[in-house]
Amino acid sequence: MPYILISTQIRLETGPTMVGDEYSDPAIMSYLGARKTTMLGNNFSEYHVDEPPRLVLDKLEKLGYKVVTMTGVGQTLVWCLHKDANDL
């Protein structure tokens, strides 16, 4: 899995952080300490951690992921990270 998206609400920048979707690598989600949740009314699952994005980014960097881009979408902050396929 060479790409990972993480996000958080601006007003919740100290956590929780959304770290993956239902298809995310379970080993990475376990390393992050993420829990899989399904919000009422959604037909998909997401992984969340209680830590702020900065700590999640630090952990993913240790796994070889680098931030490709970051943006704000409405009240949401989103980071896209990539790991070189040769490092998988």
PDB file of N, CA and C in Angstrom:
ATOM      1  N   MET A   1       0.853  -1.177   0.000  1.00  0.00           N
ATOM      2  CA  MET A   1       0.000   0.000   0.000  1.00  0.00           C
ATOM      3  C   MET A   1       0.894   1.232   0.000  1.00  0.00           C
ATOM      4  N   PRO A   2       1.153   1.823  -1.167  1.00  0.00           N
ATOM      5  CA  PRO A   2       2.084   2.946  -1.218  1.00  0.00           C
ATOM      6  C   PRO A   2       1.502   4.295  -0.799  1.00  0.00           C
ATOM      7  N   TYR A   3       0.164   4.456  -0.752  1.00  0.00           N
ATOM      8  CA  TYR A   3      -0.442   5.732  -0.364  1.00  0.00           C
ATOM      9  C   TYR A   3      -1.292   5.569   0.887  1.00  0.00           C
ATOM     10  N   ILE A   4      -1.272   6.601   1.723  1.00  0.00           N
ATOM     11  CA  ILE A   4      -2.126   6.659   2.905  1.00  0.00           C
ATOM     12  C   ILE A   4      -2.665   8.081   3.020  1.00  0.00           C
ATOM     13  N   LEU A   5      -3.952   8.209   3.294  1.00  0.00           N
ATOM     14  CA  LEU A   5      -4.564   9.496   3.596  1.00  0.00           C
ATOM     15  C   LEU A   5      -4.877   9.538   5.081  1.00  0.00           C
ATOM     16  N   ILE A   6      -4.546  10.642   5.732  1.00  0.00           N
ATOM     17  CA  ILE A   6      -4.992  10.851   7.103  1.00  0.00           C
ATOM     18  C   ILE A   6      -5.693  12.202   7.155  1.00  0.00           C
ATOM     19  N   SER A   7      -6.621  12.348   8.094  1.00  0.00           N
ATOM     20  CA  SER A   7      -7.353  13.608   8.187  1.00  0.00           C
ATOM     21  C   SER A   7      -7.859  13.822   9.600  1.00  0.00           C
ATOM     22  N   THR A   8      -8.192  15.083   9.869  1.00  0.00           N
ATOM     23  CA  THR A   8      -8.817  15.448  11.136  1.00  0.00           C
ATOM     24  C   THR A   8      -9.634  16.711  10.919  1.00  0.00           C
ATOM     25  N   GLN A   9     -10.578  16.949  11.801  1.00  0.00           N
ATOM     26  CA  GLN A   9     -11.359  18.180  11.759  1.00  0.00           C
ATOM     27  C   GLN A   9     -10.516  19.297  12.374  1.00  0.00           C
ATOM     28  N   ILE A  10     -10.574  20.488  11.826  1.00  0.00           N
ATOM     29  CA  ILE A  10      -9.760  21.607  12.308  1.00  0.00           C
ATOM     30  C   ILE A  10      -9.979  21.839  13.800  1.00  0.00           C
ATOM     31  N   ARG A  11     -11.203  21.763  14.243  1.00  0.00           N
ATOM     32  CA  ARG A  11     -11.477  22.020  15.659  1.00  0.00           C
ATOM     33  C   ARG A  11     -11.012  20.864  16.551  1.00  0.00           C
ATOM     34  N   LEU A  12     -10.618  19.749  15.932  1.00  0.00           N
ATOM     35  CA  LEU A  12     -10.168  18.581  16.685  1.00  0.00           C
ATOM     36  C   LEU A  12      -8.715  18.257  16.371  1.00  0.00           C
ATOM     37  N   GLU A  13      -7.904  19.296  16.135  1.00  0.00           N
ATOM     38  CA  GLU A  13      -6.530  19.064  15.694  1.00  0.00           C
ATOM     39  C   GLU A  13      -5.681  18.313  16.716  1.00  0.00           C
ATOM     40  N   THR A  14      -6.194  18.136  17.924  1.00  0.00           N
ATOM     41  CA  THR A  14      -5.469  17.334  18.912  1.00  0.00           C
ATOM     42  C   THR A  14      -5.955  15.891  18.900  1.00  0.00           C
ATOM     43  N   GLY A  15      -6.805  15.540  17.972  1.00  0.00           N
ATOM     44  CA  GLY A  15      -7.307  14.183  17.826  1.00  0.00           C
ATOM     45  C   GLY A  15      -8.807  14.174  17.981  1.00  0.00           C
ATOM     46  N   PRO A  16      -9.486  13.149  17.533  1.00  0.00           N
ATOM     47  CA  PRO A  16      -8.932  11.957  16.906  1.00  0.00           C
ATOM     48  C   PRO A  16      -8.518  12.223  15.457  1.00  0.00           C
ATOM     49  N   THR A  17      -7.744  11.293  14.917  1.00  0.00           N
ATOM     50  CA  THR A  17      -7.261  11.380  13.546  1.00  0.00           C
ATOM     51  C   THR A  17      -7.768  10.177  12.767  1.00  0.00           C
ATOM     52  N   MET A  18      -8.329  10.413  11.590  1.00  0.00           N
ATOM     53  CA  MET A  18      -8.751   9.327  10.714  1.00  0.00           C
ATOM     54  C   MET A  18      -7.507   8.884   9.942  1.00  0.00           C
ATOM     55  N   VAL A  19      -7.198   7.587  10.005  1.00  0.00           N
ATOM     56  CA  VAL A  19      -5.931   7.110   9.443  1.00  0.00           C
ATOM     57  C   VAL A  19      -6.085   6.091   8.315  1.00  0.00           C
ATOM     58  N   GLY A  20      -7.277   5.691   7.988  1.00  0.00           N
ATOM     59  CA  GLY A  20      -7.425   4.718   6.907  1.00  0.00           C
ATOM     60  C   GLY A  20      -8.861   4.323   6.685  1.00  0.00           C
ATOM     61  N   ASP A  21      -9.076   3.598   5.584  1.00  0.00           N
ATOM     62  CA  ASP A  21     -10.410   3.109   5.275  1.00  0.00           C
ATOM     63  C   ASP A  21     -10.463   1.603   5.482  1.00  0.00           C
ATOM     64  N   GLU A  22     -11.578   1.002   5.151  1.00  0.00           N
ATOM     65  CA  GLU A  22     -11.772  -0.425   5.419  1.00  0.00           C
ATOM     66  C   GLU A  22     -10.813  -1.319   4.648  1.00  0.00           C
ATOM     67  N   TYR A  23     -10.136  -0.788   3.634  1.00  0.00           N
ATOM     68  CA  TYR A  23      -9.197  -1.570   2.840  1.00  0.00           C
ATOM     69  C   TYR A  23      -7.738  -1.341   3.245  1.00  0.00           C
ATOM     70  N   SER A  24      -7.500  -0.579   4.292  1.00  0.00           N
ATOM     71  CA  SER A  24      -6.143  -0.272   4.731  1.00  0.00           C
ATOM     72  C   SER A  24      -5.432  -1.508   5.262  1.00  0.00           C
ATOM     73  N   ASP A  25      -4.117  -1.471   5.185  1.00  0.00           N
ATOM     74  CA  ASP A  25      -3.277  -2.574   5.641  1.00  0.00           C
ATOM     75  C   ASP A  25      -3.461  -2.774   7.148  1.00  0.00           C
ATOM     76  N   PRO A  26      -3.953  -3.934   7.578  1.00  0.00           N
ATOM     77  CA  PRO A  26      -4.194  -4.173   9.003  1.00  0.00           C
ATOM     78  C   PRO A  26      -2.929  -4.073   9.859  1.00  0.00           C
ATOM     79  N   ALA A  27      -1.771  -4.426   9.291  1.00  0.00           N
ATOM     80  CA  ALA A  27      -0.517  -4.346  10.053  1.00  0.00           C
ATOM     81  C   ALA A  27      -0.166  -2.890  10.371  1.00  0.00           C
ATOM     82  N   ILE A  28      -0.356  -2.007   9.396  1.00  0.00           N
ATOM     83  CA  ILE A  28      -0.084  -0.579   9.620  1.00  0.00           C
ATOM     84  C   ILE A  28      -1.088  -0.010  10.618  1.00  0.00           C
ATOM     85  N   MET A  29      -2.351  -0.380  10.476  1.00  0.00           N
ATOM     86  CA  MET A  29      -3.372   0.118  11.397  1.00  0.00           C
ATOM     87  C   MET A  29      -3.087  -0.359  12.825  1.00  0.00           C
ATOM     88  N   SER A  30      -2.624  -1.578  12.972  1.00  0.00           N
ATOM     89  CA  SER A  30      -2.264  -2.098  14.294  1.00  0.00           C
ATOM     90  C   SER A  30      -1.086  -1.326  14.865  1.00  0.00           C
ATOM     91  N   TYR A  31      -0.072  -1.055  14.042  1.00  0.00           N
ATOM     92  CA  TYR A  31       1.099  -0.284  14.476  1.00  0.00           C
ATOM     93  C   TYR A  31       0.685   1.107  14.971  1.00  0.00           C
ATOM     94  N   LEU A  32      -0.294   1.708  14.286  1.00  0.00           N
ATOM     95  CA  LEU A  32      -0.764   3.042  14.683  1.00  0.00           C
ATOM     96  C   LEU A  32      -1.690   2.996  15.900  1.00  0.00           C
ATOM     97  N   GLY A  33      -2.148   1.805  16.254  1.00  0.00           N
ATOM     98  CA  GLY A  33      -3.091   1.678  17.363  1.00  0.00           C
ATOM     99  C   GLY A  33      -4.493   2.111  16.969  1.00  0.00           C
ATOM    100  N   ALA A  34      -4.821   1.937  15.689  1.00  0.00           N
ATOM    101  CA  ALA A  34      -6.113   2.404  15.168  1.00  0.00           C
ATOM    102  C   ALA A  34      -7.223   1.399  15.443  1.00  0.00           C
ATOM    103  N   ARG A  35      -8.423   1.931  15.595  1.00  0.00           N
ATOM    104  CA  ARG A  35      -9.609   1.093  15.764  1.00  0.00           C
ATOM    105  C   ARG A  35     -10.537   1.332  14.573  1.00  0.00           C
ATOM    106  N   LYS A  36     -11.135   0.255  14.088  1.00  0.00           N
ATOM    107  CA  LYS A  36     -12.027   0.327  12.932  1.00  0.00           C
ATOM    108  C   LYS A  36     -13.433   0.667  13.418  1.00  0.00           C
ATOM    109  N   THR A  37     -14.037   1.691  12.830  1.00  0.00           N
ATOM    110  CA  THR A  37     -15.371   2.125  13.237  1.00  0.00           C
ATOM    111  C   THR A  37     -16.243   2.354  12.007  1.00  0.00           C
ATOM    112  N   THR A  38     -17.535   2.225  12.205  1.00  0.00           N
ATOM    113  CA  THR A  38     -18.514   2.551  11.168  1.00  0.00           C
ATOM    114  C   THR A  38     -19.494   3.543  11.778  1.00  0.00           C
ATOM    115  N   MET A  39     -19.546   4.725  11.218  1.00  0.00           N
ATOM    116  CA  MET A  39     -20.442   5.765  11.717  1.00  0.00           C
ATOM    117  C   MET A  39     -21.880   5.436  11.299  1.00  0.00           C
ATOM    118  N   LEU A  40     -22.821   5.757  12.170  1.00  0.00           N
ATOM    119  CA  LEU A  40     -24.233   5.534  11.898  1.00  0.00           C
ATOM    120  C   LEU A  40     -24.629   6.194  10.579  1.00  0.00           C
ATOM    121  N   GLY A  41     -25.239   5.433   9.694  1.00  0.00           N
ATOM    122  CA  GLY A  41     -25.682   5.953   8.409  1.00  0.00           C
ATOM    123  C   GLY A  41     -24.682   5.737   7.278  1.00  0.00           C
ATOM    124  N   ASN A  42     -23.422   5.376   7.608  1.00  0.00           N
ATOM    125  CA  ASN A  42     -22.425   5.116   6.571  1.00  0.00           C
ATOM    126  C   ASN A  42     -22.413   3.635   6.224  1.00  0.00           C
ATOM    127  N   ASN A  43     -22.116   3.321   4.978  1.00  0.00           N
ATOM    128  CA  ASN A  43     -22.001   1.920   4.579  1.00  0.00           C
ATOM    129  C   ASN A  43     -20.538   1.534   4.361  1.00  0.00           C
ATOM    130  N   PHE A  44     -19.628   2.238   5.046  1.00  0.00           N
ATOM    131  CA  PHE A  44     -18.198   1.957   4.966  1.00  0.00           C
ATOM    132  C   PHE A  44     -17.574   2.160   6.341  1.00  0.00           C
ATOM    133  N   SER A  45     -16.401   1.600   6.532  1.00  0.00           N
ATOM    134  CA  SER A  45     -15.682   1.717   7.800  1.00  0.00           C
ATOM    135  C   SER A  45     -14.456   2.606   7.635  1.00  0.00           C
ATOM    136  N   GLU A  46     -13.993   3.157   8.749  1.00  0.00           N
ATOM    137  CA  GLU A  46     -12.778   3.969   8.792  1.00  0.00           C
ATOM    138  C   GLU A  46     -11.977   3.558  10.011  1.00  0.00           C
ATOM    139  N   TYR A  47     -10.680   3.819   9.959  1.00  0.00           N
ATOM    140  CA  TYR A  47      -9.817   3.609  11.121  1.00  0.00           C
ATOM    141  C   TYR A  47      -9.515   4.950  11.773  1.00  0.00           C
ATOM    142  N   HIS A  48      -9.586   4.993  13.099  1.00  0.00           N
ATOM    143  CA  HIS A  48      -9.304   6.211  13.860  1.00  0.00           C
ATOM    144  C   HIS A  48      -8.312   5.924  14.976  1.00  0.00           C
ATOM    145  N   VAL A  49      -7.527   6.936  15.324  1.00  0.00           N
ATOM    146  CA  VAL A  49      -6.687   6.897  16.517  1.00  0.00           C
ATOM    147  C   VAL A  49      -7.006   8.143  17.325  1.00  0.00           C
ATOM    148  N   ASP A  50      -6.761   8.087  18.621  1.00  0.00           N
ATOM    149  CA  ASP A  50      -7.046   9.238  19.485  1.00  0.00           C
ATOM    150  C   ASP A  50      -5.925  10.274  19.459  1.00  0.00           C
ATOM    151  N   GLU A  51      -4.807   9.949  18.848  1.00  0.00           N
ATOM    152  CA  GLU A  51      -3.654  10.858  18.822  1.00  0.00           C
ATOM    153  C   GLU A  51      -3.837  11.976  17.793  1.00  0.00           C
ATOM    154  N   PRO A  52      -3.127  13.086  17.974  1.00  0.00           N
ATOM    155  CA  PRO A  52      -3.187  14.168  16.992  1.00  0.00           C
ATOM    156  C   PRO A  52      -2.424  13.784  15.717  1.00  0.00           C
ATOM    157  N   PRO A  53      -2.728  14.457  14.606  1.00  0.00           N
ATOM    158  CA  PRO A  53      -2.080  14.133  13.336  1.00  0.00           C
ATOM    159  C   PRO A  53      -0.545  14.158  13.398  1.00  0.00           C
ATOM    160  N   ARG A  54       0.032  15.084  14.139  1.00  0.00           N
ATOM    161  CA  ARG A  54       1.493  15.186  14.207  1.00  0.00           C
ATOM    162  C   ARG A  54       2.124  13.887  14.678  1.00  0.00           C
ATOM    163  N   LEU A  55       1.538  13.254  15.692  1.00  0.00           N
ATOM    164  CA  LEU A  55       2.088  11.996  16.195  1.00  0.00           C
ATOM    165  C   LEU A  55       1.900  10.868  15.185  1.00  0.00           C
ATOM    166  N   VAL A  56       0.772  10.869  14.479  1.00  0.00           N
ATOM    167  CA  VAL A  56       0.525   9.860  13.438  1.00  0.00           C
ATOM    168  C   VAL A  56       1.534  10.036  12.311  1.00  0.00           C
ATOM    169  N   LEU A  57       1.769  11.281  11.896  1.00  0.00           N
ATOM    170  CA  LEU A  57       2.749  11.548  10.840  1.00  0.00           C
ATOM    171  C   LEU A  57       4.142  11.092  11.259  1.00  0.00           C
ATOM    172  N   ASP A  58       4.507  11.323  12.506  1.00  0.00           N
ATOM    173  CA  ASP A  58       5.809  10.862  13.016  1.00  0.00           C
ATOM    174  C   ASP A  58       5.932   9.344  12.915  1.00  0.00           C
ATOM    175  N   LYS A  59       4.878   8.626  13.306  1.00  0.00           N
ATOM    176  CA  LYS A  59       4.905   7.156  13.255  1.00  0.00           C
ATOM    177  C   LYS A  59       5.013   6.654  11.818  1.00  0.00           C
ATOM    178  N   LEU A  60       4.264   7.274  10.907  1.00  0.00           N
ATOM    179  CA  LEU A  60       4.297   6.832   9.515  1.00  0.00           C
ATOM    180  C   LEU A  60       5.647   7.139   8.863  1.00  0.00           C
ATOM    181  N   GLU A  61       6.283   8.223   9.278  1.00  0.00           N
ATOM    182  CA  GLU A  61       7.623   8.528   8.758  1.00  0.00           C
ATOM    183  C   GLU A  61       8.610   7.429   9.143  1.00  0.00           C
ATOM    184  N   LYS A  62       8.466   6.882  10.348  1.00  0.00           N
ATOM    185  CA  LYS A  62       9.342   5.789  10.781  1.00  0.00           C
ATOM    186  C   LYS A  62       9.160   4.544   9.920  1.00  0.00           C
ATOM    187  N   LEU A  63       7.983   4.414   9.283  1.00  0.00           N
ATOM    188  CA  LEU A  63       7.720   3.290   8.382  1.00  0.00           C
ATOM    189  C   LEU A  63       8.165   3.588   6.952  1.00  0.00           C
ATOM    190  N   GLY A  64       8.675   4.795   6.709  1.00  0.00           N
ATOM    191  CA  GLY A  64       9.160   5.146   5.379  1.00  0.00           C
ATOM    192  C   GLY A  64       8.217   5.989   4.551  1.00  0.00           C
ATOM    193  N   TYR A  65       7.091   6.415   5.135  1.00  0.00           N
ATOM    194  CA  TYR A  65       6.141   7.254   4.404  1.00  0.00           C
ATOM    195  C   TYR A  65       6.577   8.714   4.464  1.00  0.00           C
ATOM    196  N   LYS A  66       6.338   9.427   3.366  1.00  0.00           N
ATOM    197  CA  LYS A  66       6.641  10.855   3.264  1.00  0.00           C
ATOM    198  C   LYS A  66       5.379  11.604   2.861  1.00  0.00           C
ATOM    199  N   VAL A  67       5.194  12.801   3.405  1.00  0.00           N
ATOM    200  CA  VAL A  67       4.045  13.630   3.032  1.00  0.00           C
ATOM    201  C   VAL A  67       4.235  14.118   1.600  1.00  0.00           C
ATOM    202  N   VAL A  68       3.230  13.865   0.759  1.00  0.00           N
ATOM    203  CA  VAL A  68       3.242  14.319  -0.620  1.00  0.00           C
ATOM    204  C   VAL A  68       2.571  15.686  -0.698  1.00  0.00           C
ATOM    205  N   THR A  69       1.438  15.820  -0.015  1.00  0.00           N
ATOM    206  CA  THR A  69       0.706  17.074  -0.031  1.00  0.00           C
ATOM    207  C   THR A  69      -0.208  17.160   1.179  1.00  0.00           C
ATOM    208  N   MET A  70      -0.637  18.350   1.488  1.00  0.00           N
ATOM    209  CA  MET A  70      -1.559  18.600   2.594  1.00  0.00           C
ATOM    210  C   MET A  70      -2.496  19.705   2.143  1.00  0.00           C
ATOM    211  N   THR A  71      -3.764  19.613   2.546  1.00  0.00           N
ATOM    212  CA  THR A  71      -4.723  20.647   2.173  1.00  0.00           C
ATOM    213  C   THR A  71      -5.811  20.754   3.227  1.00  0.00           C
ATOM    214  N   GLY A  72      -6.555  21.816   3.155  1.00  0.00           N
ATOM    215  CA  GLY A  72      -7.750  21.973   3.963  1.00  0.00           C
ATOM    216  C   GLY A  72      -8.960  21.887   3.059  1.00  0.00           C
ATOM    217  N   VAL A  73      -9.943  21.103   3.454  1.00  0.00           N
ATOM    218  CA  VAL A  73     -11.179  20.954   2.700  1.00  0.00           C
ATOM    219  C   VAL A  73     -12.307  21.294   3.658  1.00  0.00           C
ATOM    220  N   GLY A  74     -12.867  22.484   3.535  1.00  0.00           N
ATOM    221  CA  GLY A  74     -13.883  22.922   4.491  1.00  0.00           C
ATOM    222  C   GLY A  74     -13.256  22.992   5.878  1.00  0.00           C
ATOM    223  N   GLN A  75     -13.785  22.220   6.814  1.00  0.00           N
ATOM    224  CA  GLN A  75     -13.268  22.189   8.186  1.00  0.00           C
ATOM    225  C   GLN A  75     -12.366  20.973   8.429  1.00  0.00           C
ATOM    226  N   THR A  76     -11.884  20.341   7.349  1.00  0.00           N
ATOM    227  CA  THR A  76     -11.077  19.134   7.462  1.00  0.00           C
ATOM    228  C   THR A  76      -9.666  19.383   6.943  1.00  0.00           C
ATOM    229  N   LEU A  77      -8.676  18.880   7.664  1.00  0.00           N
ATOM    230  CA  LEU A  77      -7.288  18.892   7.220  1.00  0.00           C
ATOM    231  C   LEU A  77      -6.965  17.498   6.699  1.00  0.00           C
ATOM    232  N   VAL A  78      -6.313  17.414   5.522  1.00  0.00           N
ATOM    233  CA  VAL A  78      -6.006  16.127   4.899  1.00  0.00           C
ATOM    234  C   VAL A  78      -4.548  16.098   4.480  1.00  0.00           C
ATOM    235  N   TRP A  79      -3.870  14.986   4.815  1.00  0.00           N
ATOM    236  CA  TRP A  79      -2.493  14.745   4.405  1.00  0.00           C
ATOM    237  C   TRP A  79      -2.468  13.507   3.519  1.00  0.00           C
ATOM    238  N   CYS A  80      -1.716  13.556   2.428  1.00  0.00           N
ATOM    239  CA  CYS A  80      -1.497  12.387   1.573  1.00  0.00           C
ATOM    240  C   CYS A  80      -0.032  11.988   1.731  1.00  0.00           C
ATOM    241  N   LEU A  81       0.192  10.724   2.091  1.00  0.00           N
ATOM    242  CA  LEU A  81       1.549  10.217   2.266  1.00  0.00           C
ATOM    243  C   LEU A  81       1.817   9.114   1.259  1.00  0.00           C
ATOM    244  N   HIS A  82       3.074   8.965   0.884  1.00  0.00           N
ATOM    245  CA  HIS A  82       3.474   7.957  -0.096  1.00  0.00           C
ATOM    246  C   HIS A  82       4.736   7.264   0.380  1.00  0.00           C
ATOM    247  N   LYS A  83       4.812   5.986   0.063  1.00  0.00           N
ATOM    248  CA  LYS A  83       6.014   5.204   0.333  1.00  0.00           C
ATOM    249  C   LYS A  83       6.448   4.605  -0.986  1.00  0.00           C
ATOM    250  N   ASP A  84       7.717   4.746  -1.343  1.00  0.00           N
ATOM    251  CA  ASP A  84       8.241   4.234  -2.593  1.00  0.00           C
ATOM    252  C   ASP A  84       7.964   2.730  -2.697  1.00  0.00           C
ATOM    253  N   ALA A  85       7.457   2.319  -3.843  1.00  0.00           N
ATOM    254  CA  ALA A  85       7.115   0.901  -4.047  1.00  0.00           C
ATOM    255  C   ALA A  85       8.317  -0.016  -3.848  1.00  0.00           C
ATOM    256  N   ASN A  86       9.527   0.483  -4.070  1.00  0.00           N
ATOM    257  CA  ASN A  86      10.735  -0.318  -3.851  1.00  0.00           C
ATOM    258  C   ASN A  86      10.986  -0.594  -2.382  1.00  0.00           C
ATOM    259  N   ASP A  87      10.370   0.198  -1.499  1.00  0.00           N
ATOM    260  CA  ASP A  87      10.549   0.045  -0.056  1.00  0.00           C
ATOM    261  C   ASP A  87       9.484  -0.834   0.572  1.00  0.00           C
ATOM    262  N   LEU A  88       8.533  -1.331  -0.226  1.00  0.00           N
ATOM    263  CA  LEU A  88       7.443  -2.144   0.324  1.00  0.00           C
ATOM    264  C   LEU A  88       7.925  -3.523   0.709  1.00  0.00           C
TER     265      LEU A  88
END
